[in-house]
């Protein structure tokens, strides 16, 4: 299949690009499904399920922890209250600032 792109308008090229993206996505999903079926068949030949062979379902990532404290002079510097105290937090608390006043 040969398409003369030099004679196509900008809108035609954009439409073609969207069609190609859609076709790539469909081909990816089709190939993925075929690969999964082949893997399940291969595992079944040995008496296993695909989850048993691959180690089961993957664990989902935990959500990012919300900041509990913020530096009053630079609000982009935050701390969740877990782990090692950042220098700015430690310095403020050592200089007499109550930790409660730094809460977000």
Protein backbone atom coordinates (compact mmCIF):
# COMPACT_ATOMS: atom_id res chain seq x y z
CA UNK A 1 0.00 0.00 0.00
CA UNK A 2 1.48 3.29 -1.08
CA UNK A 3 -0.06 6.66 -0.30
CA UNK A 4 1.26 9.90 -1.77
CA UNK A 5 1.42 12.05 1.36
CA UNK A 6 2.75 15.09 -0.48
CA UNK A 7 -0.60 15.61 -2.22
CA UNK A 8 -2.70 15.38 0.93
CA UNK A 9 -3.99 18.41 2.82
CA UNK A 10 -3.18 19.13 6.45
CA UNK A 11 -6.63 17.93 7.57
CA UNK A 12 -6.36 14.75 5.51
CA UNK A 13 -2.96 14.01 7.05
CA UNK A 14 -4.32 14.55 10.57
CA UNK A 15 -7.27 12.24 9.83
CA UNK A 16 -4.86 9.64 8.48
CA UNK A 17 -2.72 10.00 11.60
CA UNK A 18 -5.75 9.36 13.84
CA UNK A 19 -6.70 6.32 11.75
CA UNK A 20 -3.16 4.96 12.09
CA UNK A 21 -3.18 5.51 15.88
CA UNK A 22 -6.49 3.66 16.13
CA UNK A 23 -5.23 0.80 13.95
CA UNK A 24 -2.05 0.48 16.02
CA UNK A 25 -4.05 0.35 19.25
CA UNK A 26 -6.37 -2.33 17.82
CA UNK A 27 -3.44 -4.39 16.56
CA UNK A 28 -1.71 -4.11 19.94
CA UNK A 29 -4.80 -5.31 21.81
CA UNK A 30 -5.35 -8.15 19.33
CA UNK A 31 -1.71 -9.30 19.57
CA UNK A 32 -1.83 -9.05 23.35
CA UNK A 33 -4.98 -11.21 23.52
CA UNK A 34 -3.42 -13.79 21.19
CA UNK A 35 -0.24 -13.88 23.28
CA UNK A 36 -2.28 -14.37 26.45
CA UNK A 37 -4.23 -17.25 24.88
CA UNK A 38 -1.00 -18.90 23.74
CA UNK A 39 0.54 -18.50 27.20
CA UNK A 40 -2.58 -19.93 28.87
CA UNK A 41 -2.52 -22.90 26.49
CA UNK A 42 1.17 -23.54 27.16
CA UNK A 43 0.65 -23.36 30.94
CA UNK A 44 -2.39 -25.66 30.72
CA UNK A 45 -0.30 -28.31 28.94
CA UNK A 46 1.72 -28.60 32.15
CA UNK A 47 -1.33 -28.46 34.41
CA UNK A 48 -0.96 -24.87 35.56
CA UNK A 49 -2.98 -21.72 35.20
CA UNK A 50 -1.33 -18.62 33.79
CA UNK A 51 -1.53 -16.91 37.20
CA UNK A 52 0.30 -19.81 38.84
CA UNK A 53 3.12 -19.63 36.30
CA UNK A 54 3.43 -15.85 36.22
CA UNK A 55 3.26 -15.37 39.97
CA UNK A 56 -0.36 -14.26 40.18
CA UNK A 57 -1.91 -10.88 39.82
CA UNK A 58 0.36 -7.92 40.20
CA UNK A 59 0.04 -5.70 43.20
CA UNK A 60 -1.21 -2.21 42.52
CA UNK A 61 0.91 0.73 43.49
CA UNK A 62 -0.21 2.51 46.60
CA UNK A 63 -1.34 6.07 46.24
CA UNK A 64 1.02 8.88 47.06
CA UNK A 65 0.94 9.95 50.71
CA UNK A 66 -0.54 13.36 51.38
CA UNK A 67 1.72 16.03 52.85
CA UNK A 68 1.12 16.76 56.53
CA UNK A 69 3.62 19.60 57.06
CA UNK A 70 4.73 22.49 54.86
CA UNK A 71 7.57 25.00 55.14
CA UNK A 72 5.93 28.41 55.79
CA UNK A 73 8.65 30.26 53.86
CA UNK A 74 8.46 27.88 50.86
CA UNK A 75 5.13 26.03 50.52
CA UNK A 76 6.59 23.73 47.86
CA UNK A 77 8.68 22.03 50.56
CA UNK A 78 6.42 19.51 52.26
CA UNK A 79 6.75 16.46 54.47
CA UNK A 80 4.31 13.61 55.09
CA UNK A 81 5.39 13.11 58.69
CA UNK A 82 6.86 9.72 57.81
CA UNK A 83 10.52 8.90 57.48
CA UNK A 84 13.43 11.20 58.18
CA UNK A 85 12.63 14.81 59.07
CA UNK A 86 13.69 17.30 56.40
CA UNK A 87 16.27 19.91 57.41
CA UNK A 88 13.83 22.81 57.19
CA UNK A 89 11.39 21.04 59.56
CA UNK A 90 14.09 20.07 62.04
CA UNK A 91 15.56 23.62 62.09
CA UNK A 92 12.18 25.27 62.66
CA UNK A 93 11.23 22.88 65.48
CA UNK A 94 14.67 23.23 67.12
CA UNK A 95 14.29 27.03 66.99
CA UNK A 96 11.02 26.85 68.93
CA UNK A 97 8.35 26.66 66.22
CA UNK A 98 5.61 24.22 67.28
CA UNK A 99 5.11 21.39 64.78
CA UNK A 100 1.33 22.02 64.86
CA UNK A 101 1.81 25.44 63.23
CA UNK A 102 3.54 23.78 60.27
CA UNK A 103 0.63 21.46 59.50
CA UNK A 104 -1.01 21.83 56.11
